[in-house]
Amino acid sequence: MFQILAIFALPALAAFFIGKWIDTTYSIKPYGTLSILLISFILSWVLTIRIYLKLQRQYDALDVQEEEEKLLNSEKE
């Protein structure tokens, strides 16, 4: 849970401050903040999906291993 929180909260917080700096430096308020926040939101979701896919592959591998063990145990009997 904390990993997902960190994936969304930390980039959003950093994006907010970077966006504010861009807004004041280039006088483009609020477009700098909104742009950077949108980019951080998209990157956070990409990271979340990658973590989900990695966990799904690990789960599938464990499922295959469990099925193989059941098959071996049934053949021994």
PDB file of N, CA and C in Angstrom:
ATOM      1  N   MET A   1       0.822  -1.190   0.000  1.00  0.00           N
ATOM      2  CA  MET A   1       0.000   0.000   0.000  1.00  0.00           C
ATOM      3  C   MET A   1       0.871   1.260   0.000  1.00  0.00           C
ATOM      4  N   PHE A   2       1.939   1.245   0.802  1.00  0.00           N
ATOM      5  CA  PHE A   2       2.806   2.412   0.857  1.00  0.00           C
ATOM      6  C   PHE A   2       3.548   2.617  -0.458  1.00  0.00           C
ATOM      7  N   GLN A   3       3.794   1.521  -1.163  1.00  0.00           N
ATOM      8  CA  GLN A   3       4.481   1.634  -2.452  1.00  0.00           C
ATOM      9  C   GLN A   3       3.604   2.394  -3.450  1.00  0.00           C
ATOM     10  N   ILE A   4       2.336   2.060  -3.506  1.00  0.00           N
ATOM     11  CA  ILE A   4       1.416   2.759  -4.411  1.00  0.00           C
ATOM     12  C   ILE A   4       1.260   4.215  -3.976  1.00  0.00           C
ATOM     13  N   LEU A   5       1.187   4.440  -2.668  1.00  0.00           N
ATOM     14  CA  LEU A   5       1.095   5.806  -2.164  1.00  0.00           C
ATOM     15  C   LEU A   5       2.313   6.617  -2.591  1.00  0.00           C
ATOM     16  N   ALA A   6       3.485   6.019  -2.477  1.00  0.00           N
ATOM     17  CA  ALA A   6       4.714   6.709  -2.872  1.00  0.00           C
ATOM     18  C   ALA A   6       4.761   6.940  -4.377  1.00  0.00           C
ATOM     19  N   ILE A   7       4.235   5.994  -5.139  1.00  0.00           N
ATOM     20  CA  ILE A   7       4.252   6.132  -6.598  1.00  0.00           C
ATOM     21  C   ILE A   7       3.402   7.318  -7.048  1.00  0.00           C
ATOM     22  N   PHE A   8       2.318   7.606  -6.334  1.00  0.00           N
ATOM     23  CA  PHE A   8       1.459   8.719  -6.723  1.00  0.00           C
ATOM     24  C   PHE A   8       1.767  10.007  -5.964  1.00  0.00           C
ATOM     25  N   ALA A   9       2.011   9.913  -4.663  1.00  0.00           N
ATOM     26  CA  ALA A   9       2.152  11.116  -3.845  1.00  0.00           C
ATOM     27  C   ALA A   9       3.470  11.847  -4.086  1.00  0.00           C
ATOM     28  N   LEU A  10       4.567  11.128  -4.086  1.00  0.00           N
ATOM     29  CA  LEU A  10       5.865  11.797  -4.224  1.00  0.00           C
ATOM     30  C   LEU A  10       6.033  12.494  -5.571  1.00  0.00           C
ATOM     31  N   PRO A  11       5.718  11.828  -6.690  1.00  0.00           N
ATOM     32  CA  PRO A  11       5.823  12.550  -7.967  1.00  0.00           C
ATOM     33  C   PRO A  11       4.852  13.734  -8.064  1.00  0.00           C
ATOM     34  N   ALA A  12       3.660  13.594  -7.495  1.00  0.00           N
ATOM     35  CA  ALA A  12       2.698  14.696  -7.541  1.00  0.00           C
ATOM     36  C   ALA A  12       3.205  15.885  -6.731  1.00  0.00           C
ATOM     37  N   LEU A  13       3.774  15.603  -5.579  1.00  0.00           N
ATOM     38  CA  LEU A  13       4.320  16.673  -4.748  1.00  0.00           C
ATOM     39  C   LEU A  13       5.492  17.362  -5.449  1.00  0.00           C
ATOM     40  N   ALA A  14       6.394  16.568  -5.998  1.00  0.00           N
ATOM     41  CA  ALA A  14       7.528  17.139  -6.733  1.00  0.00           C
ATOM     42  C   ALA A  14       7.036  17.912  -7.955  1.00  0.00           C
ATOM     43  N   ALA A  15       6.058  17.368  -8.658  1.00  0.00           N
ATOM     44  CA  ALA A  15       5.524  18.033  -9.851  1.00  0.00           C
ATOM     45  C   ALA A  15       4.879  19.367  -9.493  1.00  0.00           C
ATOM     46  N   PHE A  16       4.225  19.414  -8.350  1.00  0.00           N
ATOM     47  CA  PHE A  16       3.597  20.661  -7.920  1.00  0.00           C
ATOM     48  C   PHE A  16       4.641  21.763  -7.754  1.00  0.00           C
ATOM     49  N   PHE A  17       5.718  21.442  -7.034  1.00  0.00           N
ATOM     50  CA  PHE A  17       6.736  22.461  -6.790  1.00  0.00           C
ATOM     51  C   PHE A  17       7.516  22.807  -8.059  1.00  0.00           C
ATOM     52  N   ILE A  18       7.810  21.819  -8.863  1.00  0.00           N
ATOM     53  CA  ILE A  18       8.490  22.092 -10.137  1.00  0.00           C
ATOM     54  C   ILE A  18       7.582  22.922 -11.044  1.00  0.00           C
ATOM     55  N   GLY A  19       6.301  22.568 -11.067  1.00  0.00           N
ATOM     56  CA  GLY A  19       5.346  23.323 -11.875  1.00  0.00           C
ATOM     57  C   GLY A  19       5.213  24.760 -11.418  1.00  0.00           C
ATOM     58  N   LYS A  20       5.187  24.969 -10.105  1.00  0.00           N
ATOM     59  CA  LYS A  20       5.124  26.342  -9.585  1.00  0.00           C
ATOM     60  C   LYS A  20       6.364  27.133  -9.993  1.00  0.00           C
ATOM     61  N   TRP A  21       7.523  26.477  -9.944  1.00  0.00           N
ATOM     62  CA  TRP A  21       8.758  27.149 -10.355  1.00  0.00           C
ATOM     63  C   TRP A  21       8.698  27.507 -11.842  1.00  0.00           C
ATOM     64  N   ILE A  22       8.219  26.582 -12.663  1.00  0.00           N
ATOM     65  CA  ILE A  22       8.087  26.849 -14.101  1.00  0.00           C
ATOM     66  C   ILE A  22       7.105  27.990 -14.340  1.00  0.00           C
ATOM     67  N   ASP A  23       5.991  27.983 -13.599  1.00  0.00           N
ATOM     68  CA  ASP A  23       4.995  29.048 -13.749  1.00  0.00           C
ATOM     69  C   ASP A  23       5.586  30.424 -13.454  1.00  0.00           C
ATOM     70  N   THR A  24       6.324  30.521 -12.353  1.00  0.00           N
ATOM     71  CA  THR A  24       6.870  31.834 -11.989  1.00  0.00           C
ATOM     72  C   THR A  24       8.047  32.233 -12.872  1.00  0.00           C
ATOM     73  N   THR A  25       8.849  31.265 -13.292  1.00  0.00           N
ATOM     74  CA  THR A  25      10.018  31.581 -14.115  1.00  0.00           C
ATOM     75  C   THR A  25       9.613  32.040 -15.510  1.00  0.00           C
ATOM     76  N   TYR A  26       8.648  31.361 -16.099  1.00  0.00           N
ATOM     77  CA  TYR A  26       8.266  31.649 -17.481  1.00  0.00           C
ATOM     78  C   TYR A  26       6.936  32.384 -17.612  1.00  0.00           C
ATOM     79  N   SER A  27       6.331  32.768 -16.497  1.00  0.00           N
ATOM     80  CA  SER A  27       5.062  33.510 -16.475  1.00  0.00           C
ATOM     81  C   SER A  27       3.987  32.828 -17.321  1.00  0.00           C
ATOM     82  N   ILE A  28       3.791  31.545 -17.088  1.00  0.00           N
ATOM     83  CA  ILE A  28       2.774  30.796 -17.843  1.00  0.00           C
ATOM     84  C   ILE A  28       1.736  30.175 -16.912  1.00  0.00           C
ATOM     85  N   LYS A  29       1.504  30.819 -15.783  1.00  0.00           N
ATOM     86  CA  LYS A  29       0.589  30.303 -14.772  1.00  0.00           C
ATOM     87  C   LYS A  29      -0.770  30.022 -15.378  1.00  0.00           C
ATOM     88  N   PRO A  30      -1.427  28.954 -15.155  1.00  0.00           N
ATOM     89  CA  PRO A  30      -1.168  27.728 -14.397  1.00  0.00           C
ATOM     90  C   PRO A  30      -0.708  26.563 -15.275  1.00  0.00           C
ATOM     91  N   TYR A  31      -0.332  26.860 -16.508  1.00  0.00           N
ATOM     92  CA  TYR A  31      -0.071  25.779 -17.461  1.00  0.00           C
ATOM     93  C   TYR A  31       1.162  24.946 -17.131  1.00  0.00           C
ATOM     94  N   GLY A  32       2.161  25.532 -16.527  1.00  0.00           N
ATOM     95  CA  GLY A  32       3.348  24.771 -16.140  1.00  0.00           C
ATOM     96  C   GLY A  32       3.017  23.721 -15.098  1.00  0.00           C
ATOM     97  N   THR A  33       2.302  24.148 -14.058  1.00  0.00           N
ATOM     98  CA  THR A  33       1.919  23.214 -12.993  1.00  0.00           C
ATOM     99  C   THR A  33       1.005  22.129 -13.529  1.00  0.00           C
ATOM    100  N   LEU A  34       0.017  22.513 -14.307  1.00  0.00           N
ATOM    101  CA  LEU A  34      -0.920  21.522 -14.838  1.00  0.00           C
ATOM    102  C   LEU A  34      -0.224  20.526 -15.758  1.00  0.00           C
ATOM    103  N   SER A  35       0.681  21.011 -16.583  1.00  0.00           N
ATOM    104  CA  SER A  35       1.398  20.117 -17.504  1.00  0.00           C
ATOM    105  C   SER A  35       2.251  19.110 -16.750  1.00  0.00           C
ATOM    106  N   ILE A  36       3.023  19.597 -15.780  1.00  0.00           N
ATOM    107  CA  ILE A  36       3.902  18.712 -15.020  1.00  0.00           C
ATOM    108  C   ILE A  36       3.081  17.737 -14.180  1.00  0.00           C
ATOM    109  N   LEU A  37       1.981  18.194 -13.595  1.00  0.00           N
ATOM    110  CA  LEU A  37       1.119  17.287 -12.823  1.00  0.00           C
ATOM    111  C   LEU A  37       0.519  16.203 -13.715  1.00  0.00           C
ATOM    112  N   LEU A  38       0.109  16.567 -14.913  1.00  0.00           N
ATOM    113  CA  LEU A  38      -0.436  15.582 -15.845  1.00  0.00           C
ATOM    114  C   LEU A  38       0.623  14.548 -16.222  1.00  0.00           C
ATOM    115  N   ILE A  39       1.832  15.008 -16.495  1.00  0.00           N
ATOM    116  CA  ILE A  39       2.922  14.083 -16.831  1.00  0.00           C
ATOM    117  C   ILE A  39       3.215  13.148 -15.665  1.00  0.00           C
ATOM    118  N   SER A  40       3.258  13.690 -14.441  1.00  0.00           N
ATOM    119  CA  SER A  40       3.545  12.833 -13.278  1.00  0.00           C
ATOM    120  C   SER A  40       2.417  11.833 -13.048  1.00  0.00           C
ATOM    121  N   PHE A  41       1.173  12.241 -13.296  1.00  0.00           N
ATOM    122  CA  PHE A  41       0.035  11.337 -13.141  1.00  0.00           C
ATOM    123  C   PHE A  41       0.127  10.179 -14.137  1.00  0.00           C
ATOM    124  N   ILE A  42       0.446  10.493 -15.375  1.00  0.00           N
ATOM    125  CA  ILE A  42       0.577   9.454 -16.405  1.00  0.00           C
ATOM    126  C   ILE A  42       1.722   8.507 -16.072  1.00  0.00           C
ATOM    127  N   LEU A  43       2.866   9.060 -15.680  1.00  0.00           N
ATOM    128  CA  LEU A  43       4.009   8.214 -15.324  1.00  0.00           C
ATOM    129  C   LEU A  43       3.710   7.340 -14.107  1.00  0.00           C
ATOM    130  N   SER A  44       2.962   7.869 -13.153  1.00  0.00           N
ATOM    131  CA  SER A  44       2.587   7.076 -11.978  1.00  0.00           C
ATOM    132  C   SER A  44       1.718   5.892 -12.378  1.00  0.00           C
ATOM    133  N   TRP A  45       0.782   6.110 -13.289  1.00  0.00           N
ATOM    134  CA  TRP A  45      -0.066   5.009 -13.741  1.00  0.00           C
ATOM    135  C   TRP A  45       0.725   3.989 -14.543  1.00  0.00           C
ATOM    136  N   VAL A  46       1.664   4.452 -15.354  1.00  0.00           N
ATOM    137  CA  VAL A  46       2.515   3.525 -16.108  1.00  0.00           C
ATOM    138  C   VAL A  46       3.299   2.649 -15.146  1.00  0.00           C
ATOM    139  N   LEU A  47       3.856   3.254 -14.109  1.00  0.00           N
ATOM    140  CA  LEU A  47       4.609   2.501 -13.110  1.00  0.00           C
ATOM    141  C   LEU A  47       3.709   1.516 -12.373  1.00  0.00           C
ATOM    142  N   THR A  48       2.508   1.935 -12.028  1.00  0.00           N
ATOM    143  CA  THR A  48       1.562   1.054 -11.338  1.00  0.00           C
ATOM    144  C   THR A  48       1.190  -0.139 -12.210  1.00  0.00           C
ATOM    145  N   ILE A  49       0.951   0.091 -13.477  1.00  0.00           N
ATOM    146  CA  ILE A  49       0.602  -1.001 -14.393  1.00  0.00           C
ATOM    147  C   ILE A  49       1.772  -1.959 -14.556  1.00  0.00           C
ATOM    148  N   ARG A  50       2.990  -1.433 -14.631  1.00  0.00           N
ATOM    149  CA  ARG A  50       4.168  -2.306 -14.737  1.00  0.00           C
ATOM    150  C   ARG A  50       4.315  -3.179 -13.494  1.00  0.00           C
ATOM    151  N   ILE A  51       4.085  -2.613 -12.321  1.00  0.00           N
ATOM    152  CA  ILE A  51       4.158  -3.399 -11.082  1.00  0.00           C
ATOM    153  C   ILE A  51       3.081  -4.474 -11.092  1.00  0.00           C
ATOM    154  N   TYR A  52       1.869  -4.114 -11.521  1.00  0.00           N
ATOM    155  CA  TYR A  52       0.778  -5.085 -11.588  1.00  0.00           C
ATOM    156  C   TYR A  52       1.128  -6.234 -12.532  1.00  0.00           C
ATOM    157  N   LEU A  53       1.666  -5.912 -13.703  1.00  0.00           N
ATOM    158  CA  LEU A  53       2.013  -6.957 -14.670  1.00  0.00           C
ATOM    159  C   LEU A  53       3.117  -7.865 -14.138  1.00  0.00           C
ATOM    160  N   LYS A  54       4.080  -7.294 -13.433  1.00  0.00           N
ATOM    161  CA  LYS A  54       5.145  -8.095 -12.832  1.00  0.00           C
ATOM    162  C   LYS A  54       4.569  -9.053 -11.793  1.00  0.00           C
ATOM    163  N   LEU A  55       3.690  -8.546 -10.939  1.00  0.00           N
ATOM    164  CA  LEU A  55       3.066  -9.400  -9.927  1.00  0.00           C
ATOM    165  C   LEU A  55       2.185 -10.469 -10.564  1.00  0.00           C
ATOM    166  N   GLN A  56       1.514 -10.134 -11.646  1.00  0.00           N
ATOM    167  CA  GLN A  56       0.673 -11.098 -12.351  1.00  0.00           C
ATOM    168  C   GLN A  56       1.514 -12.231 -12.926  1.00  0.00           C
ATOM    169  N   ARG A  57       2.677 -11.905 -13.501  1.00  0.00           N
ATOM    170  CA  ARG A  57       3.572 -12.943 -14.023  1.00  0.00           C
ATOM    171  C   ARG A  57       4.071 -13.848 -12.899  1.00  0.00           C
ATOM    172  N   GLN A  58       4.402 -13.258 -11.751  1.00  0.00           N
ATOM    173  CA  GLN A  58       4.859 -14.059 -10.617  1.00  0.00           C
ATOM    174  C   GLN A  58       3.741 -14.975 -10.125  1.00  0.00           C
ATOM    175  N   TYR A  59       2.528 -14.463 -10.069  1.00  0.00           N
ATOM    176  CA  TYR A  59       1.387 -15.263  -9.646  1.00  0.00           C
ATOM    177  C   TYR A  59       1.143 -16.407 -10.626  1.00  0.00           C
ATOM    178  N   ASP A  60       1.215 -16.125 -11.910  1.00  0.00           N
ATOM    179  CA  ASP A  60       1.017 -17.167 -12.920  1.00  0.00           C
ATOM    180  C   ASP A  60       2.084 -18.250 -12.810  1.00  0.00           C
ATOM    181  N   ALA A  61       3.324 -17.845 -12.547  1.00  0.00           N
ATOM    182  CA  ALA A  61       4.403 -18.820 -12.392  1.00  0.00           C
ATOM    183  C   ALA A  61       4.158 -19.705 -11.176  1.00  0.00           C
ATOM    184  N   LEU A  62       3.689 -19.122 -10.091  1.00  0.00           N
ATOM    185  CA  LEU A  62       3.373 -19.912  -8.898  1.00  0.00           C
ATOM    186  C   LEU A  62       2.205 -20.853  -9.158  1.00  0.00           C
ATOM    187  N   ASP A  63       1.238 -20.392  -9.920  1.00  0.00           N
ATOM    188  CA  ASP A  63       0.084 -21.220 -10.254  1.00  0.00           C
ATOM    189  C   ASP A  63       0.508 -22.424 -11.090  1.00  0.00           C
ATOM    190  N   VAL A  64       1.383 -22.205 -12.057  1.00  0.00           N
ATOM    191  CA  VAL A  64       1.894 -23.299 -12.887  1.00  0.00           C
ATOM    192  C   VAL A  64       2.677 -24.283 -12.028  1.00  0.00           C
ATOM    193  N   GLN A  65       3.498 -23.760 -11.133  1.00  0.00           N
ATOM    194  CA  GLN A  65       4.292 -24.617 -10.248  1.00  0.00           C
ATOM    195  C   GLN A  65       3.381 -25.461  -9.350  1.00  0.00           C
ATOM    196  N   GLU A  66       2.326 -24.870  -8.852  1.00  0.00           N
ATOM    197  CA  GLU A  66       1.384 -25.605  -8.005  1.00  0.00           C
ATOM    198  C   GLU A  66       0.688 -26.709  -8.792  1.00  0.00           C
ATOM    199  N   GLU A  67       0.298 -26.424 -10.020  1.00  0.00           N
ATOM    200  CA  GLU A  67      -0.344 -27.431 -10.859  1.00  0.00           C
ATOM    201  C   GLU A  67       0.608 -28.588 -11.155  1.00  0.00           C
ATOM    202  N   GLU A  68       1.876 -28.265 -11.409  1.00  0.00           N
ATOM    203  CA  GLU A  68       2.863 -29.318 -11.666  1.00  0.00           C
ATOM    204  C   GLU A  68       3.057 -30.200 -10.437  1.00  0.00           C
ATOM    205  N   GLU A  69       3.086 -29.587  -9.253  1.00  0.00           N
ATOM    206  CA  GLU A  69       3.235 -30.360  -8.025  1.00  0.00           C
ATOM    207  C   GLU A  69       2.024 -31.262  -7.797  1.00  0.00           C
ATOM    208  N   LYS A  70       0.832 -30.770  -8.079  1.00  0.00           N
ATOM    209  CA  LYS A  70      -0.371 -31.593  -7.944  1.00  0.00           C
ATOM    210  C   LYS A  70      -0.320 -32.772  -8.907  1.00  0.00           C
ATOM    211  N   LEU A  71       0.137 -32.525 -10.124  1.00  0.00           N
ATOM    212  CA  LEU A  71       0.234 -33.572 -11.126  1.00  0.00           C
ATOM    213  C   LEU A  71       1.241 -34.630 -10.701  1.00  0.00           C
ATOM    214  N   LEU A  72       2.388 -34.210 -10.189  1.00  0.00           N
ATOM    215  CA  LEU A  72       3.403 -35.158  -9.720  1.00  0.00           C
ATOM    216  C   LEU A  72       2.901 -35.967  -8.528  1.00  0.00           C
ATOM    217  N   ASN A  73       2.196 -35.326  -7.628  1.00  0.00           N
ATOM    218  CA  ASN A  73       1.661 -36.029  -6.458  1.00  0.00           C
ATOM    219  C   ASN A  73       0.587 -37.039  -6.851  1.00  0.00           C
ATOM    220  N   SER A  74      -0.221 -36.701  -7.841  1.00  0.00           N
ATOM    221  CA  SER A  74      -1.263 -37.636  -8.268  1.00  0.00           C
ATOM    222  C   SER A  74      -0.660 -38.827  -9.019  1.00  0.00           C
ATOM    223  N   GLU A  75       0.456 -38.622  -9.710  1.00  0.00           N
ATOM    224  CA  GLU A  75       1.115 -39.724 -10.413  1.00  0.00           C
ATOM    225  C   GLU A  75       1.793 -40.677  -9.438  1.00  0.00           C
ATOM    226  N   LYS A  76       2.258 -40.181  -8.307  1.00  0.00           N
ATOM    227  CA  LYS A  76       2.930 -41.012  -7.311  1.00  0.00           C
ATOM    228  C   LYS A  76       1.942 -41.934  -6.606  1.00  0.00           C
ATOM    229  N   GLU A  77       0.722 -41.516  -6.517  1.00  0.00           N
ATOM    230  CA  GLU A  77      -0.282 -42.312  -5.800  1.00  0.00           C
ATOM    231  C   GLU A  77      -0.782 -43.403  -6.641  1.00  0.00           C
TER     232      GLU A  77
END
